[in-house]
Amino acid sequence: LTGHEPAVVIGKNQVMEEPTPRKVAQRLGLDLDICANREFDVLIVG
């Protein structure tokens, strides 16, 4: 990094712009790709 500002870095030189938990989750595969399966027996919210 060249500046002295807070940042989130994922992998070499990959500084996230306007980082959020959601963006990090997407990068790490935690944010399920709903399109892969849209129908379930049970949806548990929470």
PDB file of all heavy atoms in Angstrom:
ATOM      1  N   LEU A   1       0.836  -1.187   0.000  1.00  0.00           N
ATOM      2  CA  LEU A   1       0.000   0.000   0.000  1.00  0.00           C
ATOM      3  C   LEU A   1       0.881   1.251   0.000  1.00  0.00           C
ATOM      4  O   LEU A   1       1.992   1.258   0.535  1.00  0.00           O
ATOM      5  CB  LEU A   1      -0.908   0.001   1.238  1.00  0.00           C
ATOM      6  CG  LEU A   1      -1.912  -1.157   1.337  1.00  0.00           C
ATOM      7  CD1 LEU A   1      -2.716  -1.033   2.620  1.00  0.00           C
ATOM      8  CD2 LEU A   1      -2.837  -1.173   0.142  1.00  0.00           C
ATOM      9  N   THR A   2       0.365   2.317  -0.562  1.00  0.00           N
ATOM     10  CA  THR A   2       1.142   3.562  -0.652  1.00  0.00           C
ATOM     11  C   THR A   2       0.648   4.625   0.310  1.00  0.00           C
ATOM     12  O   THR A   2       1.359   5.571   0.611  1.00  0.00           O
ATOM     13  CB  THR A   2       1.085   4.126  -2.083  1.00  0.00           C
ATOM     14  OG1 THR A   2      -0.292   4.332  -2.451  1.00  0.00           O
ATOM     15  CG2 THR A   2       1.723   3.147  -3.061  1.00  0.00           C
ATOM     16  N   GLY A   3      -0.585   4.497   0.800  1.00  0.00           N
ATOM     17  CA  GLY A   3      -1.134   5.494   1.712  1.00  0.00           C
ATOM     18  C   GLY A   3      -1.226   4.959   3.124  1.00  0.00           C
ATOM     19  O   GLY A   3      -0.935   3.805   3.396  1.00  0.00           O
ATOM     20  N   HIS A   4      -1.614   5.810   4.040  1.00  0.00           N
ATOM     21  CA  HIS A   4      -1.753   5.437   5.433  1.00  0.00           C
ATOM     22  C   HIS A   4      -3.229   5.487   5.830  1.00  0.00           C
ATOM     23  O   HIS A   4      -3.603   6.067   6.847  1.00  0.00           O
ATOM     24  CB  HIS A   4      -0.916   6.364   6.330  1.00  0.00           C
ATOM     25  CG  HIS A   4       0.545   6.119   6.240  1.00  0.00           C
ATOM     26  ND1 HIS A   4       1.277   6.400   5.112  1.00  0.00           N
ATOM     27  CD2 HIS A   4       1.421   5.589   7.140  1.00  0.00           C
ATOM     28  CE1 HIS A   4       2.558   6.077   5.328  1.00  0.00           C
ATOM     29  NE2 HIS A   4       2.666   5.583   6.550  1.00  0.00           N
ATOM     30  N   GLU A   5      -4.060   4.901   5.001  1.00  0.00           N
ATOM     31  CA  GLU A   5      -5.490   4.885   5.260  1.00  0.00           C
ATOM     32  C   GLU A   5      -5.969   3.461   5.530  1.00  0.00           C
ATOM     33  O   GLU A   5      -5.382   2.500   5.029  1.00  0.00           O
ATOM     34  CB  GLU A   5      -6.256   5.461   4.053  1.00  0.00           C
ATOM     35  CG  GLU A   5      -5.973   6.928   3.764  1.00  0.00           C
ATOM     36  CD  GLU A   5      -6.380   7.830   4.915  1.00  0.00           C
ATOM     37  OE1 GLU A   5      -7.392   7.513   5.571  1.00  0.00           O
ATOM     38  OE2 GLU A   5      -5.699   8.833   5.166  1.00  0.00           O
ATOM     39  N   PRO A   6      -7.052   3.289   6.300  1.00  0.00           N
ATOM     40  CA  PRO A   6      -7.601   1.951   6.542  1.00  0.00           C
ATOM     41  C   PRO A   6      -7.966   1.275   5.221  1.00  0.00           C
ATOM     42  O   PRO A   6      -8.382   1.928   4.253  1.00  0.00           O
ATOM     43  CB  PRO A   6      -8.844   2.236   7.390  1.00  0.00           C
ATOM     44  CG  PRO A   6      -8.555   3.548   8.055  1.00  0.00           C
ATOM     45  CD  PRO A   6      -7.774   4.335   7.049  1.00  0.00           C
ATOM     46  N   ALA A   7      -7.816  -0.049   5.173  1.00  0.00           N
ATOM     47  CA  ALA A   7      -8.086  -0.771   3.931  1.00  0.00           C
ATOM     48  C   ALA A   7      -8.348  -2.236   4.231  1.00  0.00           C
ATOM     49  O   ALA A   7      -8.008  -2.751   5.300  1.00  0.00           O
ATOM     50  CB  ALA A   7      -6.906  -0.646   2.960  1.00  0.00           C
ATOM     51  N   VAL A   8      -8.967  -2.902   3.272  1.00  0.00           N
ATOM     52  CA  VAL A   8      -9.151  -4.346   3.291  1.00  0.00           C
ATOM     53  C   VAL A   8      -8.467  -4.894   2.046  1.00  0.00           C
ATOM     54  O   VAL A   8      -8.758  -4.467   0.931  1.00  0.00           O
ATOM     55  CB  VAL A   8     -10.640  -4.733   3.295  1.00  0.00           C
ATOM     56  CG1 VAL A   8     -10.795  -6.245   3.219  1.00  0.00           C
ATOM     57  CG2 VAL A   8     -11.330  -4.199   4.547  1.00  0.00           C
ATOM     58  N   VAL A   9      -7.532  -5.817   2.253  1.00  0.00           N
ATOM     59  CA  VAL A   9      -6.765  -6.380   1.153  1.00  0.00           C
ATOM     60  C   VAL A   9      -7.021  -7.880   1.098  1.00  0.00           C
ATOM     61  O   VAL A   9      -6.913  -8.570   2.110  1.00  0.00           O
ATOM     62  CB  VAL A   9      -5.252  -6.121   1.333  1.00  0.00           C
ATOM     63  CG1 VAL A   9      -4.472  -6.618   0.119  1.00  0.00           C
ATOM     64  CG2 VAL A   9      -4.990  -4.643   1.569  1.00  0.00           C
ATOM     65  N   ILE A  10      -7.376  -8.383  -0.077  1.00  0.00           N
ATOM     66  CA  ILE A  10      -7.606  -9.817  -0.253  1.00  0.00           C
ATOM     67  C   ILE A  10      -6.721 -10.291  -1.397  1.00  0.00           C
ATOM     68  O   ILE A  10      -6.930  -9.939  -2.557  1.00  0.00           O
ATOM     69  CB  ILE A  10      -9.080 -10.125  -0.561  1.00  0.00           C
ATOM     70  CG1 ILE A  10      -9.960  -9.643   0.599  1.00  0.00           C
ATOM     71  CG2 ILE A  10      -9.277 -11.622  -0.779  1.00  0.00           C
ATOM     72  CD1 ILE A  10     -11.424  -9.939   0.413  1.00  0.00           C
ATOM     73  N   GLY A  11      -5.711 -11.073  -1.075  1.00  0.00           N
ATOM     74  CA  GLY A  11      -4.780 -11.499  -2.097  1.00  0.00           C
ATOM     75  C   GLY A  11      -3.804 -10.392  -2.441  1.00  0.00           C
ATOM     76  O   GLY A  11      -3.927  -9.247  -1.998  1.00  0.00           O
ATOM     77  N   LYS A  12      -2.827 -10.705  -3.230  1.00  0.00           N
ATOM     78  CA  LYS A  12      -1.768  -9.748  -3.546  1.00  0.00           C
ATOM     79  C   LYS A  12      -2.298  -8.554  -4.327  1.00  0.00           C
ATOM     80  O   LYS A  12      -2.885  -8.700  -5.394  1.00  0.00           O
ATOM     81  CB  LYS A  12      -0.672 -10.464  -4.350  1.00  0.00           C
ATOM     82  CG  LYS A  12       0.570  -9.612  -4.558  1.00  0.00           C
ATOM     83  CD  LYS A  12       1.674 -10.422  -5.203  1.00  0.00           C
ATOM     84  CE  LYS A  12       2.941  -9.595  -5.352  1.00  0.00           C
ATOM     85  NZ  LYS A  12       4.041 -10.387  -5.958  1.00  0.00           N
ATOM     86  N   ASN A  13      -2.104  -7.369  -3.759  1.00  0.00           N
ATOM     87  CA  ASN A  13      -2.432  -6.096  -4.423  1.00  0.00           C
ATOM     88  C   ASN A  13      -3.924  -5.903  -4.693  1.00  0.00           C
ATOM     89  O   ASN A  13      -4.295  -5.039  -5.477  1.00  0.00           O
ATOM     90  CB  ASN A  13      -1.663  -5.951  -5.743  1.00  0.00           C
ATOM     91  CG  ASN A  13      -0.166  -5.966  -5.539  1.00  0.00           C
ATOM     92  OD1 ASN A  13       0.318  -5.490  -4.513  1.00  0.00           O
ATOM     93  ND2 ASN A  13       0.554  -6.527  -6.486  1.00  0.00           N
ATOM     94  N   GLN A  14      -4.775  -6.688  -4.077  1.00  0.00           N
ATOM     95  CA  GLN A  14      -6.214  -6.544  -4.316  1.00  0.00           C
ATOM     96  C   GLN A  14      -6.851  -5.758  -3.172  1.00  0.00           C
ATOM     97  O   GLN A  14      -7.382  -6.324  -2.226  1.00  0.00           O
ATOM     98  CB  GLN A  14      -6.879  -7.914  -4.455  1.00  0.00           C
ATOM     99  CG  GLN A  14      -6.366  -8.725  -5.634  1.00  0.00           C
ATOM    100  CD  GLN A  14      -7.055 -10.062  -5.748  1.00  0.00           C
ATOM    101  OE1 GLN A  14      -8.255 -10.175  -5.506  1.00  0.00           O
ATOM    102  NE2 GLN A  14      -6.309 -11.079  -6.110  1.00  0.00           N
ATOM    103  N   VAL A  15      -6.774  -4.440  -3.258  1.00  0.00           N
ATOM    104  CA  VAL A  15      -7.346  -3.566  -2.236  1.00  0.00           C
ATOM    105  C   VAL A  15      -8.812  -3.318  -2.588  1.00  0.00           C
ATOM    106  O   VAL A  15      -9.128  -2.846  -3.679  1.00  0.00           O
ATOM    107  CB  VAL A  15      -6.587  -2.231  -2.165  1.00  0.00           C
ATOM    108  CG1 VAL A  15      -7.176  -1.349  -1.072  1.00  0.00           C
ATOM    109  CG2 VAL A  15      -5.108  -2.483  -1.907  1.00  0.00           C
ATOM    110  N   MET A  16      -9.715  -3.630  -1.670  1.00  0.00           N
ATOM    111  CA  MET A  16     -11.147  -3.492  -1.935  1.00  0.00           C
ATOM    112  C   MET A  16     -11.570  -2.033  -1.825  1.00  0.00           C
ATOM    113  O   MET A  16     -11.200  -1.344  -0.874  1.00  0.00           O
ATOM    114  CB  MET A  16     -11.962  -4.341  -0.962  1.00  0.00           C
ATOM    115  CG  MET A  16     -11.705  -5.826  -1.037  1.00  0.00           C
ATOM    116  SD  MET A  16     -12.903  -6.800  -0.083  1.00  0.00           S
ATOM    117  CE  MET A  16     -14.351  -6.599  -1.111  1.00  0.00           C
ATOM    118  N   GLU A  17     -12.349  -1.588  -2.781  1.00  0.00           N
ATOM    119  CA  GLU A  17     -12.912  -0.249  -2.730  1.00  0.00           C
ATOM    120  C   GLU A  17     -14.233  -0.280  -1.962  1.00  0.00           C
ATOM    121  O   GLU A  17     -15.059  -1.159  -2.194  1.00  0.00           O
ATOM    122  CB  GLU A  17     -13.136   0.287  -4.142  1.00  0.00           C
ATOM    123  CG  GLU A  17     -11.848   0.506  -4.936  1.00  0.00           C
ATOM    124  CD  GLU A  17     -12.125   1.132  -6.289  1.00  0.00           C
ATOM    125  OE1 GLU A  17     -13.303   1.468  -6.547  1.00  0.00           O
ATOM    126  OE2 GLU A  17     -11.177   1.278  -7.076  1.00  0.00           O
ATOM    127  N   GLU A  18     -14.409   0.680  -1.054  1.00  0.00           N
ATOM    128  CA  GLU A  18     -15.620   0.762  -0.240  1.00  0.00           C
ATOM    129  C   GLU A  18     -15.984  -0.624   0.315  1.00  0.00           C
ATOM    130  O   GLU A  18     -17.048  -1.172   0.032  1.00  0.00           O
ATOM    131  CB  GLU A  18     -16.776   1.337  -1.056  1.00  0.00           C
ATOM    132  CG  GLU A  18     -16.510   2.742  -1.570  1.00  0.00           C
ATOM    133  CD  GLU A  18     -17.677   3.292  -2.369  1.00  0.00           C
ATOM    134  OE1 GLU A  18     -18.669   2.557  -2.557  1.00  0.00           O
ATOM    135  OE2 GLU A  18     -17.594   4.454  -2.793  1.00  0.00           O
ATOM    136  N   PRO A  19     -15.099  -1.209   1.115  1.00  0.00           N
ATOM    137  CA  PRO A  19     -15.312  -2.579   1.591  1.00  0.00           C
ATOM    138  C   PRO A  19     -16.511  -2.708   2.524  1.00  0.00           C
ATOM    139  O   PRO A  19     -16.810  -1.798   3.299  1.00  0.00           O
ATOM    140  CB  PRO A  19     -14.010  -2.899   2.332  1.00  0.00           C
ATOM    141  CG  PRO A  19     -13.506  -1.557   2.780  1.00  0.00           C
ATOM    142  CD  PRO A  19     -13.874  -0.610   1.684  1.00  0.00           C
ATOM    143  N   THR A  20     -17.192  -3.824   2.425  1.00  0.00           N
ATOM    144  CA  THR A  20     -18.318  -4.167   3.302  1.00  0.00           C
ATOM    145  C   THR A  20     -18.228  -5.655   3.610  1.00  0.00           C
ATOM    146  O   THR A  20     -17.576  -6.416   2.879  1.00  0.00           O
ATOM    147  CB  THR A  20     -19.670  -3.885   2.624  1.00  0.00           C
ATOM    148  OG1 THR A  20     -19.805  -4.764   1.483  1.00  0.00           O
ATOM    149  CG2 THR A  20     -19.786  -2.437   2.185  1.00  0.00           C
ATOM    150  N   PRO A  21     -18.886  -6.104   4.690  1.00  0.00           N
ATOM    151  CA  PRO A  21     -18.914  -7.548   4.955  1.00  0.00           C
ATOM    152  C   PRO A  21     -19.449  -8.340   3.770  1.00  0.00           C
ATOM    153  O   PRO A  21     -18.963  -9.433   3.467  1.00  0.00           O
ATOM    154  CB  PRO A  21     -19.838  -7.650   6.179  1.00  0.00           C
ATOM    155  CG  PRO A  21     -19.651  -6.353   6.888  1.00  0.00           C
ATOM    156  CD  PRO A  21     -19.502  -5.340   5.796  1.00  0.00           C
ATOM    157  N   ARG A  22     -20.466  -7.791   3.084  1.00  0.00           N
ATOM    158  CA  ARG A  22     -21.052  -8.498   1.939  1.00  0.00           C
ATOM    159  C   ARG A  22     -20.023  -8.698   0.830  1.00  0.00           C
ATOM    160  O   ARG A  22     -19.932  -9.769   0.230  1.00  0.00           O
ATOM    161  CB  ARG A  22     -22.246  -7.705   1.434  1.00  0.00           C
ATOM    162  CG  ARG A  22     -22.882  -8.252   0.160  1.00  0.00           C
ATOM    163  CD  ARG A  22     -23.696  -9.510   0.448  1.00  0.00           C
ATOM    164  NE  ARG A  22     -24.184 -10.084  -0.786  1.00  0.00           N
ATOM    165  CZ  ARG A  22     -25.227  -9.629  -1.467  1.00  0.00           C
ATOM    166  NH1 ARG A  22     -25.891  -8.563  -1.019  1.00  0.00           N
ATOM    167  NH2 ARG A  22     -25.621 -10.228  -2.565  1.00  0.00           N
ATOM    168  N   LYS A  23     -19.238  -7.663   0.507  1.00  0.00           N
ATOM    169  CA  LYS A  23     -18.243  -7.780  -0.543  1.00  0.00           C
ATOM    170  C   LYS A  23     -17.178  -8.809  -0.189  1.00  0.00           C
ATOM    171  O   LYS A  23     -16.732  -9.589  -1.036  1.00  0.00           O
ATOM    172  CB  LYS A  23     -17.590  -6.424  -0.806  1.00  0.00           C
ATOM    173  CG  LYS A  23     -18.479  -5.424  -1.542  1.00  0.00           C
ATOM    174  CD  LYS A  23     -17.711  -4.149  -1.827  1.00  0.00           C
ATOM    175  CE  LYS A  23     -18.576  -3.143  -2.601  1.00  0.00           C
ATOM    176  NZ  LYS A  23     -17.830  -1.892  -2.876  1.00  0.00           N
ATOM    177  N   VAL A  24     -16.753  -8.806   1.070  1.00  0.00           N
ATOM    178  CA  VAL A  24     -15.765  -9.786   1.508  1.00  0.00           C
ATOM    179  C   VAL A  24     -16.353 -11.194   1.419  1.00  0.00           C
ATOM    180  O   VAL A  24     -15.686 -12.135   0.961  1.00  0.00           O
ATOM    181  CB  VAL A  24     -15.294  -9.483   2.944  1.00  0.00           C
ATOM    182  CG1 VAL A  24     -14.384 -10.590   3.460  1.00  0.00           C
ATOM    183  CG2 VAL A  24     -14.565  -8.147   2.989  1.00  0.00           C
ATOM    184  N   ALA A  25     -17.611 -11.353   1.837  1.00  0.00           N
ATOM    185  CA  ALA A  25     -18.265 -12.655   1.778  1.00  0.00           C
ATOM    186  C   ALA A  25     -18.350 -13.159   0.342  1.00  0.00           C
ATOM    187  O   ALA A  25     -18.131 -14.344   0.069  1.00  0.00           O
ATOM    188  CB  ALA A  25     -19.660 -12.569   2.392  1.00  0.00           C
ATOM    189  N   GLN A  26     -18.668 -12.263  -0.585  1.00  0.00           N
ATOM    190  CA  GLN A  26     -18.743 -12.655  -1.996  1.00  0.00           C
ATOM    191  C   GLN A  26     -17.385 -13.126  -2.499  1.00  0.00           C
ATOM    192  O   GLN A  26     -17.288 -14.118  -3.227  1.00  0.00           O
ATOM    193  CB  GLN A  26     -19.237 -11.470  -2.833  1.00  0.00           C
ATOM    194  CG  GLN A  26     -20.704 -11.147  -2.641  1.00  0.00           C
ATOM    195  CD  GLN A  26     -21.127  -9.896  -3.395  1.00  0.00           C
ATOM    196  OE1 GLN A  26     -20.384  -8.929  -3.468  1.00  0.00           O
ATOM    197  NE2 GLN A  26     -22.325  -9.914  -3.955  1.00  0.00           N
ATOM    198  N   ARG A  27     -16.336 -12.406  -2.101  1.00  0.00           N
ATOM    199  CA  ARG A  27     -14.984 -12.770  -2.558  1.00  0.00           C
ATOM    200  C   ARG A  27     -14.550 -14.125  -2.007  1.00  0.00           C
ATOM    201  O   ARG A  27     -13.792 -14.853  -2.660  1.00  0.00           O
ATOM    202  CB  ARG A  27     -13.998 -11.691  -2.110  1.00  0.00           C
ATOM    203  CG  ARG A  27     -12.589 -11.869  -2.626  1.00  0.00           C
ATOM    204  CD  ARG A  27     -12.519 -11.604  -4.113  1.00  0.00           C
ATOM    205  NE  ARG A  27     -11.150 -11.699  -4.618  1.00  0.00           N
ATOM    206  CZ  ARG A  27     -10.525 -12.834  -4.919  1.00  0.00           C
ATOM    207  NH1 ARG A  27     -11.162 -13.983  -4.773  1.00  0.00           N
ATOM    208  NH2 ARG A  27      -9.274 -12.832  -5.366  1.00  0.00           N
ATOM    209  N   LEU A  28     -15.038 -14.484  -0.819  1.00  0.00           N
ATOM    210  CA  LEU A  28     -14.622 -15.723  -0.174  1.00  0.00           C
ATOM    211  C   LEU A  28     -15.620 -16.864  -0.369  1.00  0.00           C
ATOM    212  O   LEU A  28     -15.464 -17.927   0.223  1.00  0.00           O
ATOM    213  CB  LEU A  28     -14.402 -15.484   1.329  1.00  0.00           C
ATOM    214  CG  LEU A  28     -13.312 -14.477   1.684  1.00  0.00           C
ATOM    215  CD1 LEU A  28     -13.225 -14.287   3.184  1.00  0.00           C
ATOM    216  CD2 LEU A  28     -11.955 -14.926   1.127  1.00  0.00           C
ATOM    217  N   GLY A  29     -16.648 -16.640  -1.186  1.00  0.00           N
ATOM    218  CA  GLY A  29     -17.592 -17.709  -1.469  1.00  0.00           C
ATOM    219  C   GLY A  29     -18.583 -17.993  -0.365  1.00  0.00           C
ATOM    220  O   GLY A  29     -19.199 -19.063  -0.329  1.00  0.00           O
ATOM    221  N   LEU A  30     -18.770 -17.039   0.563  1.00  0.00           N
ATOM    222  CA  LEU A  30     -19.720 -17.232   1.656  1.00  0.00           C
ATOM    223  C   LEU A  30     -21.118 -16.754   1.296  1.00  0.00           C
ATOM    224  O   LEU A  30     -22.095 -17.143   1.924  1.00  0.00           O
ATOM    225  CB  LEU A  30     -19.246 -16.471   2.900  1.00  0.00           C
ATOM    226  CG  LEU A  30     -17.901 -16.909   3.462  1.00  0.00           C
ATOM    227  CD1 LEU A  30     -17.419 -15.914   4.489  1.00  0.00           C
ATOM    228  CD2 LEU A  30     -18.003 -18.292   4.059  1.00  0.00           C
ATOM    229  N   ASP A  31     -21.198 -15.912   0.289  1.00  0.00           N
ATOM    230  CA  ASP A  31     -22.482 -15.377  -0.155  1.00  0.00           C
ATOM    231  C   ASP A  31     -23.020 -16.313  -1.228  1.00  0.00           C
ATOM    232  O   ASP A  31     -22.617 -16.267  -2.372  1.00  0.00           O
ATOM    233  CB  ASP A  31     -22.275 -13.965  -0.714  1.00  0.00           C
ATOM    234  CG  ASP A  31     -23.586 -13.342  -1.158  1.00  0.00           C
ATOM    235  OD1 ASP A  31     -24.643 -13.849  -0.756  1.00  0.00           O
ATOM    236  OD2 ASP A  31     -23.549 -12.365  -1.918  1.00  0.00           O
ATOM    237  N   LEU A  32     -23.926 -17.178  -0.833  1.00  0.00           N
ATOM    238  CA  LEU A  32     -24.394 -18.266  -1.695  1.00  0.00           C
ATOM    239  C   LEU A  32     -24.914 -17.751  -3.028  1.00  0.00           C
ATOM    240  O   LEU A  32     -25.661 -16.783  -3.091  1.00  0.00           O
ATOM    241  CB  LEU A  32     -25.510 -19.028  -0.974  1.00  0.00           C
ATOM    242  CG  LEU A  32     -26.105 -20.228  -1.702  1.00  0.00           C
ATOM    243  CD1 LEU A  32     -25.091 -21.333  -1.827  1.00  0.00           C
ATOM    244  CD2 LEU A  32     -27.332 -20.730  -0.959  1.00  0.00           C
ATOM    245  N   ASP A  33     -24.519 -18.429  -4.095  1.00  0.00           N
ATOM    246  CA  ASP A  33     -25.034 -18.116  -5.429  1.00  0.00           C
ATOM    247  C   ASP A  33     -26.440 -18.699  -5.526  1.00  0.00           C
ATOM    248  O   ASP A  33     -26.629 -19.863  -5.847  1.00  0.00           O
ATOM    249  CB  ASP A  33     -24.120 -18.718  -6.496  1.00  0.00           C
ATOM    250  CG  ASP A  33     -24.620 -18.416  -7.905  1.00  0.00           C
ATOM    251  OD1 ASP A  33     -25.603 -17.668  -8.028  1.00  0.00           O
ATOM    252  OD2 ASP A  33     -24.034 -18.944  -8.860  1.00  0.00           O
ATOM    253  N   ILE A  34     -27.443 -17.871  -5.227  1.00  0.00           N
ATOM    254  CA  ILE A  34     -28.820 -18.339  -5.188  1.00  0.00           C
ATOM    255  C   ILE A  34     -29.248 -18.923  -6.537  1.00  0.00           C
ATOM    256  O   ILE A  34     -30.036 -19.858  -6.605  1.00  0.00           O
ATOM    257  CB  ILE A  34     -29.767 -17.185  -4.793  1.00  0.00           C
ATOM    258  CG1 ILE A  34     -29.403 -16.680  -3.390  1.00  0.00           C
ATOM    259  CG2 ILE A  34     -31.208 -17.634  -4.811  1.00  0.00           C
ATOM    260  CD1 ILE A  34     -29.560 -17.688  -2.292  1.00  0.00           C
ATOM    261  N   CYS A  35     -28.693 -18.376  -7.615  1.00  0.00           N
ATOM    262  CA  CYS A  35     -29.108 -18.834  -8.939  1.00  0.00           C
ATOM    263  C   CYS A  35     -28.806 -20.306  -9.155  1.00  0.00           C
ATOM    264  O   CYS A  35     -29.413 -20.959 -10.008  1.00  0.00           O
ATOM    265  CB  CYS A  35     -28.428 -18.001 -10.027  1.00  0.00           C
ATOM    266  SG  CYS A  35     -28.915 -16.251  -9.995  1.00  0.00           S
ATOM    267  N   ALA A  36     -27.854 -20.855  -8.420  1.00  0.00           N
ATOM    268  CA  ALA A  36     -27.507 -22.253  -8.594  1.00  0.00           C
ATOM    269  C   ALA A  36     -28.622 -23.172  -8.100  1.00  0.00           C
ATOM    270  O   ALA A  36     -28.789 -24.283  -8.576  1.00  0.00           O
ATOM    271  CB  ALA A  36     -26.207 -22.573  -7.846  1.00  0.00           C
ATOM    272  N   ASN A  37     -29.382 -22.724  -7.147  1.00  0.00           N
ATOM    273  CA  ASN A  37     -30.496 -23.520  -6.619  1.00  0.00           C
ATOM    274  C   ASN A  37     -31.493 -22.563  -5.998  1.00  0.00           C
ATOM    275  O   ASN A  37     -31.242 -21.980  -4.958  1.00  0.00           O
ATOM    276  CB  ASN A  37     -29.992 -24.529  -5.575  1.00  0.00           C
ATOM    277  CG  ASN A  37     -31.109 -25.446  -5.097  1.00  0.00           C
ATOM    278  OD1 ASN A  37     -32.223 -25.410  -5.606  1.00  0.00           O
ATOM    279  ND2 ASN A  37     -30.811 -26.277  -4.122  1.00  0.00           N
ATOM    280  N   ARG A  38     -32.625 -22.414  -6.627  1.00  0.00           N
ATOM    281  CA  ARG A  38     -33.603 -21.441  -6.150  1.00  0.00           C
ATOM    282  C   ARG A  38     -34.711 -22.076  -5.302  1.00  0.00           C
ATOM    283  O   ARG A  38     -35.525 -21.360  -4.730  1.00  0.00           O
ATOM    284  CB  ARG A  38     -34.243 -20.712  -7.340  1.00  0.00           C
ATOM    285  CG  ARG A  38     -33.318 -19.724  -8.032  1.00  0.00           C
ATOM    286  CD  ARG A  38     -34.032 -19.031  -9.168  1.00  0.00           C
ATOM    287  NE  ARG A  38     -33.212 -17.998  -9.772  1.00  0.00           N
ATOM    288  CZ  ARG A  38     -33.141 -16.747  -9.350  1.00  0.00           C
ATOM    289  NH1 ARG A  38     -33.838 -16.374  -8.298  1.00  0.00           N
ATOM    290  NH2 ARG A  38     -32.379 -15.876  -9.965  1.00  0.00           N
ATOM    291  N   GLU A  39     -34.781 -23.387  -5.245  1.00  0.00           N
ATOM    292  CA  GLU A  39     -35.899 -24.017  -4.545  1.00  0.00           C
ATOM    293  C   GLU A  39     -35.392 -25.035  -3.528  1.00  0.00           C
ATOM    294  O   GLU A  39     -34.570 -25.891  -3.841  1.00  0.00           O
ATOM    295  CB  GLU A  39     -36.822 -24.704  -5.548  1.00  0.00           C
ATOM    296  CG  GLU A  39     -38.124 -25.185  -4.943  1.00  0.00           C
ATOM    297  CD  GLU A  39     -39.108 -25.666  -5.989  1.00  0.00           C
ATOM    298  OE1 GLU A  39     -39.316 -24.934  -6.983  1.00  0.00           O
ATOM    299  OE2 GLU A  39     -39.667 -26.765  -5.821  1.00  0.00           O
ATOM    300  N   PHE A  40     -35.900 -24.924  -2.306  1.00  0.00           N
ATOM    301  CA  PHE A  40     -35.487 -25.785  -1.210  1.00  0.00           C
ATOM    302  C   PHE A  40     -36.718 -26.397  -0.543  1.00  0.00           C
ATOM    303  O   PHE A  40     -37.840 -25.938  -0.741  1.00  0.00           O
ATOM    304  CB  PHE A  40     -34.685 -24.984  -0.175  1.00  0.00           C
ATOM    305  CG  PHE A  40     -33.382 -24.442  -0.698  1.00  0.00           C
ATOM    306  CD1 PHE A  40     -33.350 -23.258  -1.427  1.00  0.00           C
ATOM    307  CD2 PHE A  40     -32.195 -25.114  -0.464  1.00  0.00           C
ATOM    308  CE1 PHE A  40     -32.160 -22.759  -1.925  1.00  0.00           C
ATOM    309  CE2 PHE A  40     -30.989 -24.618  -0.955  1.00  0.00           C
ATOM    310  CZ  PHE A  40     -30.977 -23.434  -1.679  1.00  0.00           C
ATOM    311  N   ASP A  41     -36.486 -27.419   0.256  1.00  0.00           N
ATOM    312  CA  ASP A  41     -37.569 -27.954   1.082  1.00  0.00           C
ATOM    313  C   ASP A  41     -37.866 -26.992   2.228  1.00  0.00           C
ATOM    314  O   ASP A  41     -39.018 -26.704   2.537  1.00  0.00           O
ATOM    315  CB  ASP A  41     -37.185 -29.333   1.652  1.00  0.00           C
ATOM    316  CG  ASP A  41     -37.100 -30.408   0.596  1.00  0.00           C
ATOM    317  OD1 ASP A  41     -37.880 -30.340  -0.371  1.00  0.00           O
ATOM    318  OD2 ASP A  41     -36.256 -31.310   0.733  1.00  0.00           O
ATOM    319  N   VAL A  42     -36.793 -26.523   2.869  1.00  0.00           N
ATOM    320  CA  VAL A  42     -36.931 -25.686   4.058  1.00  0.00           C
ATOM    321  C   VAL A  42     -36.045 -24.450   3.933  1.00  0.00           C
ATOM    322  O   VAL A  42     -34.851 -24.567   3.634  1.00  0.00           O
ATOM    323  CB  VAL A  42     -36.536 -26.459   5.338  1.00  0.00           C
ATOM    324  CG1 VAL A  42     -36.745 -25.578   6.574  1.00  0.00           C
ATOM    325  CG2 VAL A  42     -37.309 -27.748   5.464  1.00  0.00           C
ATOM    326  N   LEU A  43     -36.629 -23.290   4.151  1.00  0.00           N
ATOM    327  CA  LEU A  43     -35.873 -22.043   4.256  1.00  0.00           C
ATOM    328  C   LEU A  43     -35.868 -21.629   5.717  1.00  0.00           C
ATOM    329  O   LEU A  43     -36.925 -21.410   6.315  1.00  0.00           O
ATOM    330  CB  LEU A  43     -36.511 -20.943   3.403  1.00  0.00           C
ATOM    331  CG  LEU A  43     -35.928 -19.536   3.570  1.00  0.00           C
ATOM    332  CD1 LEU A  43     -34.460 -19.506   3.144  1.00  0.00           C
ATOM    333  CD2 LEU A  43     -36.745 -18.511   2.798  1.00  0.00           C
ATOM    334  N   ILE A  44     -34.692 -21.553   6.301  1.00  0.00           N
ATOM    335  CA  ILE A  44     -34.540 -21.158   7.700  1.00  0.00           C
ATOM    336  C   ILE A  44     -33.976 -19.742   7.721  1.00  0.00           C
ATOM    337  O   ILE A  44     -32.874 -19.502   7.225  1.00  0.00           O
ATOM    338  CB  ILE A  44     -33.598 -22.124   8.449  1.00  0.00           C
ATOM    339  CG1 ILE A  44     -34.147 -23.553   8.378  1.00  0.00           C
ATOM    340  CG2 ILE A  44     -33.423 -21.690   9.907  1.00  0.00           C
ATOM    341  CD1 ILE A  44     -33.149 -24.611   8.823  1.00  0.00           C
ATOM    342  N   VAL A  45     -34.737 -18.815   8.259  1.00  0.00           N
ATOM    343  CA  VAL A  45     -34.321 -17.411   8.279  1.00  0.00           C
ATOM    344  C   VAL A  45     -33.788 -17.087   9.669  1.00  0.00           C
ATOM    345  O   VAL A  45     -34.543 -16.985  10.629  1.00  0.00           O
ATOM    346  CB  VAL A  45     -35.486 -16.473   7.909  1.00  0.00           C
ATOM    347  CG1 VAL A  45     -34.983 -15.039   7.786  1.00  0.00           C
ATOM    348  CG2 VAL A  45     -36.151 -16.914   6.609  1.00  0.00           C
ATOM    349  N   GLY A  46     -32.472 -16.941   9.762  1.00  0.00           N
ATOM    350  CA  GLY A  46     -31.837 -16.661  11.043  1.00  0.00           C
ATOM    351  C   GLY A  46     -30.875 -17.769  11.423  1.00  0.00           C
ATOM    352  O   GLY A  46     -31.217 -18.952  11.363  1.00  0.00           O
TER     353      GLY A  46
END
